[in-house]
């Protein structure tokens, strides 16, 4: 039986730097030899397909999943299962070394917490549970958390990528 792919949530309030963290970490982790998948949580519906296209018609006909595959890329539309990251983790086992999941605060995955600008503490104390690192920006005070803390700059992202590689046991 294959092992599930590790998930690392990147959490924080709106405009705390979650997307910035993901887009900086992906190429750094790739440069360290990892194959990275990402997932983005959204609180509102999201429709990537186009009404009237064949793939849209497949879904309208009742398909639970529709794959659109081209010569170099593909996309898979899945009706939202109860736990979409578990579906991705087990359904693609071996294809990726790690999934960086932006959001998914209510899940119990290991996490990097993006602190609100100007502070080195999570916006909510419960966010620190399961944190492997804190990411701070525009903070003049010294971090007080025992959790490793990194600046949201080039050097900080490099150090955070090294920590993630170690967390993965590589």
N, C-alpha and C. Protein backbone atom coordinates (compact mmCIF):
# COMPACT_ATOMS: atom_id res chain seq x y z
N UNK A 1 0.84 -1.18 0.00
CA UNK A 1 0.00 0.00 0.00
C UNK A 1 0.88 1.25 0.00
N UNK A 2 0.58 2.22 -0.81
CA UNK A 2 1.37 3.43 -0.91
C UNK A 2 1.14 4.33 0.28
N UNK A 3 2.17 5.09 0.59
CA UNK A 3 2.07 6.06 1.67
C UNK A 3 1.43 7.34 1.14
N UNK A 4 0.59 7.99 1.97
CA UNK A 4 -0.02 9.24 1.55
C UNK A 4 1.04 10.34 1.46
N UNK A 5 0.79 11.27 0.57
CA UNK A 5 1.69 12.40 0.37
C UNK A 5 1.56 13.36 1.57
N UNK A 6 2.68 13.83 2.12
CA UNK A 6 2.61 14.79 3.22
C UNK A 6 1.97 16.11 2.76
N UNK A 7 1.16 16.68 3.63
CA UNK A 7 0.52 17.97 3.37
C UNK A 7 1.06 18.98 4.38
N UNK A 8 1.44 20.14 3.89
CA UNK A 8 1.87 21.24 4.75
C UNK A 8 0.95 22.41 4.44
N UNK A 9 0.11 22.78 5.42
CA UNK A 9 -0.80 23.91 5.23
C UNK A 9 -0.05 25.21 5.44
N UNK A 10 -0.35 26.19 4.61
CA UNK A 10 0.17 27.54 4.78
C UNK A 10 -1.05 28.36 5.18
N UNK A 11 -1.11 28.74 6.46
CA UNK A 11 -2.31 29.40 6.97
C UNK A 11 -2.02 30.81 7.46
N UNK A 12 -3.08 31.58 7.60
CA UNK A 12 -2.99 32.94 8.12
C UNK A 12 -4.22 33.71 7.67
N UNK A 13 -4.36 34.87 8.23
CA UNK A 13 -5.49 35.71 7.86
C UNK A 13 -5.30 36.26 6.44
N UNK A 14 -6.36 36.87 5.93
CA UNK A 14 -6.30 37.50 4.61
C UNK A 14 -5.18 38.53 4.59
N UNK A 15 -4.43 38.55 3.49
CA UNK A 15 -3.31 39.47 3.28
C UNK A 15 -2.15 39.27 4.25
N UNK A 16 -2.02 38.06 4.79
CA UNK A 16 -0.90 37.78 5.69
C UNK A 16 0.32 37.24 4.96
N UNK A 17 0.17 36.93 3.67
CA UNK A 17 1.30 36.45 2.89
C UNK A 17 1.26 34.98 2.52
N UNK A 18 0.10 34.36 2.60
CA UNK A 18 -0.01 32.92 2.29
C UNK A 18 0.38 32.62 0.85
N UNK A 19 -0.22 33.33 -0.09
CA UNK A 19 0.08 33.08 -1.51
C UNK A 19 1.54 33.41 -1.80
N UNK A 20 2.04 34.49 -1.24
CA UNK A 20 3.45 34.86 -1.41
C UNK A 20 4.35 33.72 -0.92
N UNK A 21 3.99 33.14 0.22
CA UNK A 21 4.78 32.03 0.75
C UNK A 21 4.77 30.84 -0.22
N UNK A 22 3.59 30.47 -0.71
CA UNK A 22 3.49 29.32 -1.61
C UNK A 22 4.30 29.56 -2.88
N UNK A 23 4.13 30.72 -3.52
CA UNK A 23 4.81 30.94 -4.80
C UNK A 23 6.32 31.12 -4.63
N UNK A 24 6.78 31.46 -3.44
CA UNK A 24 8.22 31.51 -3.19
C UNK A 24 8.77 30.13 -2.84
N UNK A 25 7.99 29.32 -2.13
CA UNK A 25 8.47 28.01 -1.72
C UNK A 25 8.49 26.98 -2.84
N UNK A 26 7.54 27.03 -3.75
CA UNK A 26 7.48 26.02 -4.81
C UNK A 26 8.80 25.93 -5.59
N UNK A 27 9.31 27.04 -6.16
CA UNK A 27 10.57 26.89 -6.92
C UNK A 27 11.76 26.51 -6.03
N UNK A 28 11.77 26.94 -4.78
CA UNK A 28 12.87 26.58 -3.88
C UNK A 28 12.85 25.10 -3.56
N UNK A 29 11.67 24.54 -3.34
CA UNK A 29 11.57 23.11 -3.07
C UNK A 29 11.88 22.30 -4.33
N UNK A 30 11.43 22.79 -5.49
CA UNK A 30 11.77 22.13 -6.76
C UNK A 30 13.28 22.10 -6.95
N UNK A 31 13.95 23.21 -6.64
CA UNK A 31 15.41 23.28 -6.79
C UNK A 31 16.11 22.30 -5.86
N UNK A 32 15.44 21.89 -4.80
CA UNK A 32 15.99 20.91 -3.86
C UNK A 32 15.60 19.48 -4.25
N UNK A 33 15.03 19.33 -5.44
CA UNK A 33 14.72 18.01 -5.98
C UNK A 33 13.35 17.46 -5.64
N UNK A 34 12.47 18.28 -5.09
CA UNK A 34 11.14 17.80 -4.72
C UNK A 34 10.13 18.09 -5.84
N UNK A 35 9.15 17.22 -5.94
CA UNK A 35 8.01 17.45 -6.82
C UNK A 35 6.88 17.95 -5.93
N UNK A 36 6.41 19.16 -6.22
CA UNK A 36 5.47 19.86 -5.34
C UNK A 36 4.11 20.01 -6.00
N UNK A 37 3.07 19.68 -5.26
CA UNK A 37 1.69 19.97 -5.67
C UNK A 37 1.18 21.07 -4.74
N UNK A 38 0.21 21.84 -5.22
CA UNK A 38 -0.40 22.85 -4.36
C UNK A 38 -1.91 22.69 -4.39
N UNK A 39 -2.53 23.17 -3.33
CA UNK A 39 -3.99 23.21 -3.23
C UNK A 39 -4.36 24.54 -2.62
N UNK A 40 -5.43 25.14 -3.07
CA UNK A 40 -5.89 26.44 -2.58
C UNK A 40 -7.30 26.27 -2.05
N UNK A 41 -7.51 26.64 -0.80
CA UNK A 41 -8.85 26.60 -0.22
C UNK A 41 -9.57 27.90 -0.54
N UNK A 42 -10.83 27.80 -0.89
CA UNK A 42 -11.64 28.99 -1.13
C UNK A 42 -12.96 28.84 -0.40
N UNK A 43 -13.45 29.94 0.12
CA UNK A 43 -14.71 29.91 0.86
C UNK A 43 -15.92 30.07 -0.06
N UNK A 44 -15.67 30.41 -1.29
CA UNK A 44 -16.77 30.57 -2.25
C UNK A 44 -16.58 29.56 -3.36
N UNK A 45 -17.61 29.35 -4.14
CA UNK A 45 -17.54 28.39 -5.23
C UNK A 45 -16.49 28.78 -6.26
N UNK A 46 -16.05 27.81 -7.01
CA UNK A 46 -15.03 28.06 -8.02
C UNK A 46 -15.37 27.21 -9.23
N UNK A 47 -15.50 27.82 -10.36
CA UNK A 47 -15.83 27.11 -11.59
C UNK A 47 -14.77 27.43 -12.63
N UNK A 48 -13.96 26.42 -12.98
CA UNK A 48 -12.90 26.63 -13.94
C UNK A 48 -13.34 26.24 -15.35
N UNK A 49 -14.34 25.42 -15.44
CA UNK A 49 -14.80 24.94 -16.73
C UNK A 49 -15.68 25.99 -17.42
N UNK A 50 -15.90 25.83 -18.71
CA UNK A 50 -16.68 26.79 -19.49
C UNK A 50 -17.99 26.15 -19.95
N UNK A 51 -19.07 26.83 -19.63
CA UNK A 51 -20.38 26.33 -20.02
C UNK A 51 -20.41 26.05 -21.52
N UNK A 52 -20.96 24.89 -21.87
CA UNK A 52 -21.10 24.51 -23.27
C UNK A 52 -19.96 23.67 -23.81
N UNK A 53 -18.77 23.73 -23.18
CA UNK A 53 -17.63 22.91 -23.63
C UNK A 53 -17.91 21.45 -23.30
N UNK A 54 -17.24 20.55 -24.02
CA UNK A 54 -17.48 19.12 -23.84
C UNK A 54 -17.27 18.69 -22.39
N UNK A 55 -16.20 19.17 -21.75
CA UNK A 55 -15.94 18.77 -20.37
C UNK A 55 -17.06 19.24 -19.45
N UNK A 56 -17.57 20.43 -19.68
CA UNK A 56 -18.69 20.96 -18.89
C UNK A 56 -19.91 20.06 -19.10
N UNK A 57 -20.14 19.64 -20.33
CA UNK A 57 -21.27 18.78 -20.63
C UNK A 57 -21.13 17.41 -19.95
N UNK A 58 -19.89 16.89 -19.88
CA UNK A 58 -19.65 15.62 -19.18
C UNK A 58 -20.09 15.76 -17.73
N UNK A 59 -19.69 16.87 -17.08
CA UNK A 59 -20.05 17.09 -15.68
C UNK A 59 -21.56 17.26 -15.53
N UNK A 60 -22.16 18.02 -16.42
CA UNK A 60 -23.61 18.23 -16.35
C UNK A 60 -24.36 16.92 -16.53
N UNK A 61 -23.76 15.98 -17.24
CA UNK A 61 -24.40 14.68 -17.45
C UNK A 61 -24.33 13.81 -16.19
N UNK A 62 -23.50 14.23 -15.22
CA UNK A 62 -23.45 13.51 -13.96
C UNK A 62 -22.12 12.87 -13.61
N UNK A 63 -21.08 13.08 -14.42
CA UNK A 63 -19.78 12.50 -14.08
C UNK A 63 -19.28 13.10 -12.77
N UNK A 64 -18.80 12.25 -11.88
CA UNK A 64 -18.27 12.71 -10.59
C UNK A 64 -16.89 13.34 -10.75
N UNK A 65 -16.17 12.95 -11.80
CA UNK A 65 -14.86 13.51 -12.10
C UNK A 65 -14.72 13.61 -13.61
N UNK A 66 -14.10 14.69 -14.06
CA UNK A 66 -13.87 14.89 -15.49
C UNK A 66 -12.42 15.32 -15.67
N UNK A 67 -11.68 14.62 -16.50
CA UNK A 67 -10.30 14.98 -16.80
C UNK A 67 -10.26 15.59 -18.19
N UNK A 68 -9.54 16.70 -18.31
CA UNK A 68 -9.28 17.32 -19.60
C UNK A 68 -7.77 17.21 -19.81
N UNK A 69 -7.36 16.47 -20.83
CA UNK A 69 -5.96 16.14 -21.00
C UNK A 69 -5.47 16.62 -22.36
N UNK A 70 -4.40 17.39 -22.34
CA UNK A 70 -3.76 17.87 -23.56
C UNK A 70 -2.40 17.21 -23.71
N UNK A 71 -1.64 17.63 -24.72
CA UNK A 71 -0.34 16.99 -24.96
C UNK A 71 0.68 17.21 -23.84
N UNK A 72 0.58 18.33 -23.11
CA UNK A 72 1.58 18.59 -22.07
C UNK A 72 0.99 18.88 -20.70
N UNK A 73 -0.31 19.13 -20.60
CA UNK A 73 -0.94 19.41 -19.30
C UNK A 73 -2.32 18.78 -19.25
N UNK A 74 -2.85 18.74 -18.07
CA UNK A 74 -4.20 18.23 -17.88
C UNK A 74 -4.78 18.81 -16.62
N UNK A 75 -6.08 18.72 -16.51
CA UNK A 75 -6.77 19.19 -15.31
C UNK A 75 -7.83 18.16 -14.97
N UNK A 76 -8.06 17.97 -13.68
CA UNK A 76 -9.06 17.02 -13.22
C UNK A 76 -10.06 17.78 -12.37
N UNK A 77 -11.31 17.77 -12.79
CA UNK A 77 -12.41 18.36 -12.02
C UNK A 77 -13.05 17.24 -11.22
N UNK A 78 -13.15 17.42 -9.90
CA UNK A 78 -13.74 16.42 -9.04
C UNK A 78 -14.83 17.09 -8.23
N UNK A 79 -16.03 16.48 -8.19
CA UNK A 79 -17.04 16.98 -7.27
C UNK A 79 -16.41 16.90 -5.88
N UNK A 80 -16.57 17.95 -5.12
CA UNK A 80 -15.86 18.05 -3.85
C UNK A 80 -16.20 16.90 -2.91
N UNK A 81 -15.20 16.04 -2.67
CA UNK A 81 -15.41 14.99 -1.68
C UNK A 81 -15.36 15.60 -0.29
N UNK A 82 -15.71 14.80 0.71
CA UNK A 82 -15.72 15.29 2.09
C UNK A 82 -14.34 15.81 2.51
N UNK A 83 -13.28 15.16 2.05
CA UNK A 83 -11.93 15.57 2.41
C UNK A 83 -11.08 15.59 1.13
N UNK A 84 -11.10 16.71 0.40
CA UNK A 84 -10.43 16.74 -0.89
C UNK A 84 -8.92 16.52 -0.84
N UNK A 85 -8.26 16.98 0.21
CA UNK A 85 -6.82 16.76 0.28
C UNK A 85 -6.49 15.29 0.49
N UNK A 86 -7.31 14.57 1.24
CA UNK A 86 -7.07 13.12 1.39
C UNK A 86 -7.22 12.42 0.05
N UNK A 87 -8.19 12.87 -0.75
CA UNK A 87 -8.36 12.30 -2.08
C UNK A 87 -7.12 12.56 -2.93
N UNK A 88 -6.61 13.77 -2.90
CA UNK A 88 -5.39 14.11 -3.65
C UNK A 88 -4.20 13.33 -3.12
N UNK A 89 -4.08 13.23 -1.80
CA UNK A 89 -2.95 12.54 -1.18
C UNK A 89 -2.89 11.07 -1.56
N UNK A 90 -4.02 10.39 -1.52
CA UNK A 90 -4.01 8.96 -1.77
C UNK A 90 -4.15 8.64 -3.25
N UNK A 91 -4.86 9.47 -3.99
CA UNK A 91 -5.09 9.21 -5.41
C UNK A 91 -3.90 9.50 -6.30
N UNK A 92 -2.92 10.23 -5.77
CA UNK A 92 -1.75 10.57 -6.57
C UNK A 92 -0.47 10.14 -5.86
N UNK A 93 -0.58 9.20 -4.93
CA UNK A 93 0.57 8.76 -4.15
C UNK A 93 1.74 8.41 -5.06
N UNK A 94 2.88 8.94 -4.72
CA UNK A 94 4.08 8.70 -5.50
C UNK A 94 4.33 9.75 -6.56
N UNK A 95 3.30 10.50 -6.95
CA UNK A 95 3.47 11.51 -7.98
C UNK A 95 4.08 12.79 -7.44
N UNK A 96 3.90 13.05 -6.14
CA UNK A 96 4.40 14.27 -5.53
C UNK A 96 5.11 13.95 -4.23
N UNK A 97 6.05 14.80 -3.85
CA UNK A 97 6.75 14.64 -2.58
C UNK A 97 6.05 15.37 -1.44
N UNK A 98 5.34 16.45 -1.78
CA UNK A 98 4.65 17.25 -0.76
C UNK A 98 3.53 18.04 -1.42
N UNK A 99 2.48 18.29 -0.66
CA UNK A 99 1.40 19.18 -1.10
C UNK A 99 1.44 20.41 -0.21
N UNK A 100 1.65 21.58 -0.79
CA UNK A 100 1.52 22.84 -0.06
C UNK A 100 0.07 23.27 -0.19
N UNK A 101 -0.63 23.33 0.92
CA UNK A 101 -2.06 23.62 0.92
C UNK A 101 -2.30 25.00 1.50
N UNK A 102 -2.66 25.95 0.65
CA UNK A 102 -2.94 27.31 1.12
C UNK A 102 -4.32 27.34 1.76
N UNK A 103 -4.33 27.63 3.04
CA UNK A 103 -5.58 27.62 3.78
C UNK A 103 -5.75 26.30 4.51
N UNK A 104 -6.95 25.78 4.53
CA UNK A 104 -7.25 24.52 5.22
C UNK A 104 -6.93 24.62 6.71
N UNK A 105 -7.20 25.78 7.30
CA UNK A 105 -6.92 26.05 8.71
C UNK A 105 -7.60 25.04 9.64
N UNK A 106 -8.80 24.60 9.30
CA UNK A 106 -9.53 23.72 10.21
C UNK A 106 -9.05 22.27 10.14
N UNK A 107 -8.18 21.97 9.21
CA UNK A 107 -7.63 20.61 9.11
C UNK A 107 -6.45 20.47 10.07
N UNK A 108 -6.07 19.24 10.38
CA UNK A 108 -5.01 19.00 11.36
C UNK A 108 -3.65 18.74 10.73
N UNK A 109 -3.42 19.26 9.54
CA UNK A 109 -2.12 19.07 8.88
C UNK A 109 -1.06 19.92 9.58
N UNK A 110 0.19 19.51 9.42
CA UNK A 110 1.30 20.37 9.87
C UNK A 110 1.16 21.69 9.13
N UNK A 111 1.68 22.76 9.72
CA UNK A 111 1.43 24.08 9.12
C UNK A 111 2.57 25.06 9.29
N UNK A 112 2.59 25.98 8.34
CA UNK A 112 3.40 27.20 8.46
C UNK A 112 2.38 28.31 8.66
N UNK A 113 2.57 29.10 9.72
CA UNK A 113 1.62 30.16 10.04
C UNK A 113 2.19 31.50 9.57
N UNK A 114 1.45 32.17 8.70
CA UNK A 114 1.82 33.52 8.26
C UNK A 114 1.21 34.49 9.27
N UNK A 115 2.07 35.16 10.02
CA UNK A 115 1.61 36.07 11.06
C UNK A 115 1.15 37.38 10.44
N UNK A 116 0.22 38.07 11.11
CA UNK A 116 -0.22 39.37 10.59
C UNK A 116 0.97 40.33 10.48
N UNK A 117 0.96 41.21 9.49
CA UNK A 117 2.06 42.17 9.35
C UNK A 117 2.31 42.91 10.66
N UNK A 118 3.59 43.05 11.01
CA UNK A 118 3.96 43.80 12.20
C UNK A 118 4.03 43.00 13.47
N UNK A 119 3.75 41.70 13.41
CA UNK A 119 3.79 40.86 14.61
C UNK A 119 4.49 39.54 14.32
N UNK A 120 5.00 38.93 15.35
CA UNK A 120 5.63 37.61 15.19
C UNK A 120 4.81 36.54 15.90
N UNK A 121 3.53 36.80 16.08
CA UNK A 121 2.63 35.85 16.72
C UNK A 121 1.47 35.53 15.77
N UNK A 122 0.96 34.29 15.80
CA UNK A 122 -0.22 33.97 15.00
C UNK A 122 -1.40 34.85 15.39
N UNK A 123 -2.28 35.11 14.44
CA UNK A 123 -3.46 35.93 14.71
C UNK A 123 -4.34 35.26 15.77
N UNK A 124 -4.38 33.94 15.76
CA UNK A 124 -5.18 33.20 16.73
C UNK A 124 -4.26 32.16 17.39
N UNK A 125 -4.22 32.10 18.70
CA UNK A 125 -3.33 31.14 19.37
C UNK A 125 -3.49 29.70 18.89
N UNK A 126 -4.74 29.28 18.57
CA UNK A 126 -4.96 27.90 18.11
C UNK A 126 -4.24 27.61 16.80
N UNK A 127 -3.92 28.65 16.02
CA UNK A 127 -3.21 28.44 14.75
C UNK A 127 -1.81 27.89 14.96
N UNK A 128 -1.23 28.11 16.14
CA UNK A 128 0.13 27.63 16.42
C UNK A 128 0.18 26.12 16.61
N UNK A 129 -0.97 25.49 16.87
CA UNK A 129 -1.01 24.04 17.05
C UNK A 129 -0.59 23.35 15.76
N UNK A 130 0.43 22.54 15.85
CA UNK A 130 0.91 21.81 14.68
C UNK A 130 1.83 22.63 13.79
N UNK A 131 2.19 23.83 14.21
CA UNK A 131 3.05 24.68 13.37
C UNK A 131 4.48 24.18 13.40
N UNK A 132 5.07 24.05 12.21
CA UNK A 132 6.50 23.74 12.14
C UNK A 132 7.30 25.03 11.99
N UNK A 133 6.60 26.14 11.63
CA UNK A 133 7.30 27.42 11.46
C UNK A 133 6.30 28.57 11.47
N UNK A 134 6.81 29.73 11.82
CA UNK A 134 6.07 30.98 11.70
C UNK A 134 6.77 31.82 10.65
N UNK A 135 5.99 32.53 9.86
CA UNK A 135 6.52 33.41 8.82
C UNK A 135 6.07 34.82 9.16
N UNK A 136 7.02 35.74 9.29
CA UNK A 136 6.69 37.11 9.70
C UNK A 136 7.18 38.11 8.66
N UNK A 137 6.48 39.24 8.61
CA UNK A 137 6.91 40.33 7.75
C UNK A 137 6.67 41.65 8.46
N UNK A 138 7.53 42.59 8.18
CA UNK A 138 7.41 43.93 8.74
C UNK A 138 7.31 43.90 10.26
N UNK A 139 8.15 43.09 10.90
CA UNK A 139 8.09 42.97 12.35
C UNK A 139 9.39 43.49 12.96
N UNK A 140 9.27 44.50 13.81
CA UNK A 140 10.44 45.10 14.44
C UNK A 140 10.83 44.37 15.73
N UNK A 141 9.87 43.67 16.35
CA UNK A 141 10.16 43.00 17.62
C UNK A 141 10.76 41.62 17.38
N UNK A 142 11.50 41.16 18.35
CA UNK A 142 12.09 39.83 18.29
C UNK A 142 11.00 38.77 18.53
N UNK A 143 11.02 37.68 17.77
CA UNK A 143 10.05 36.61 18.00
C UNK A 143 10.20 36.02 19.40
N UNK A 144 9.10 35.69 20.03
CA UNK A 144 9.13 35.09 21.36
C UNK A 144 8.70 33.63 21.33
N UNK A 145 8.22 33.16 20.21
CA UNK A 145 7.73 31.79 20.09
C UNK A 145 8.90 30.80 20.03
N UNK A 146 8.73 29.62 20.64
CA UNK A 146 9.76 28.58 20.49
C UNK A 146 9.72 27.94 19.09
N UNK A 147 8.65 28.20 18.34
CA UNK A 147 8.53 27.67 16.98
C UNK A 147 9.50 28.42 16.08
N UNK A 148 10.25 27.72 15.19
CA UNK A 148 11.15 28.42 14.28
C UNK A 148 10.42 29.54 13.53
N UNK A 149 11.05 30.70 13.49
CA UNK A 149 10.43 31.88 12.89
C UNK A 149 11.32 32.41 11.78
N UNK A 150 10.71 32.71 10.64
CA UNK A 150 11.45 33.16 9.47
C UNK A 150 10.86 34.45 8.93
N UNK A 151 11.72 35.31 8.43
CA UNK A 151 11.26 36.54 7.76
C UNK A 151 10.73 36.17 6.38
N UNK A 152 9.72 36.90 5.93
CA UNK A 152 9.15 36.67 4.60
C UNK A 152 9.98 37.44 3.58
N UNK A 153 11.24 37.04 3.45
CA UNK A 153 12.14 37.63 2.45
C UNK A 153 12.93 36.49 1.81
N UNK A 154 13.79 36.81 0.84
CA UNK A 154 14.49 35.76 0.10
C UNK A 154 15.26 34.82 1.02
N UNK A 155 16.01 35.36 1.96
CA UNK A 155 16.80 34.53 2.87
C UNK A 155 15.88 33.69 3.77
N UNK A 156 14.79 34.29 4.24
CA UNK A 156 13.85 33.56 5.10
C UNK A 156 13.19 32.41 4.37
N UNK A 157 12.80 32.64 3.10
CA UNK A 157 12.18 31.56 2.33
C UNK A 157 13.19 30.44 2.06
N UNK A 158 14.45 30.77 1.82
CA UNK A 158 15.49 29.75 1.64
C UNK A 158 15.61 28.89 2.89
N UNK A 159 15.68 29.53 4.04
CA UNK A 159 15.80 28.81 5.32
C UNK A 159 14.55 27.97 5.58
N UNK A 160 13.38 28.52 5.27
CA UNK A 160 12.14 27.78 5.46
C UNK A 160 12.10 26.56 4.53
N UNK A 161 12.54 26.71 3.30
CA UNK A 161 12.59 25.57 2.38
C UNK A 161 13.50 24.46 2.94
N UNK A 162 14.63 24.85 3.52
CA UNK A 162 15.52 23.86 4.14
C UNK A 162 14.81 23.14 5.30
N UNK A 163 14.07 23.89 6.10
CA UNK A 163 13.33 23.29 7.20
C UNK A 163 12.28 22.30 6.68
N UNK A 164 11.59 22.66 5.61
CA UNK A 164 10.57 21.78 5.03
C UNK A 164 11.21 20.48 4.54
N UNK A 165 12.35 20.61 3.88
CA UNK A 165 13.07 19.41 3.40
C UNK A 165 13.42 18.52 4.58
N UNK A 166 13.90 19.12 5.68
CA UNK A 166 14.22 18.33 6.87
C UNK A 166 12.96 17.71 7.47
N UNK A 167 11.86 18.48 7.51
CA UNK A 167 10.59 17.98 8.02
C UNK A 167 10.13 16.76 7.22
N UNK A 168 10.39 16.77 5.93
CA UNK A 168 10.03 15.63 5.07
C UNK A 168 10.96 14.45 5.26
N UNK A 169 12.06 14.65 5.99
CA UNK A 169 13.02 13.57 6.21
C UNK A 169 13.94 13.34 5.05
N UNK A 170 14.22 14.39 4.28
CA UNK A 170 15.09 14.26 3.10
C UNK A 170 16.50 14.67 3.42
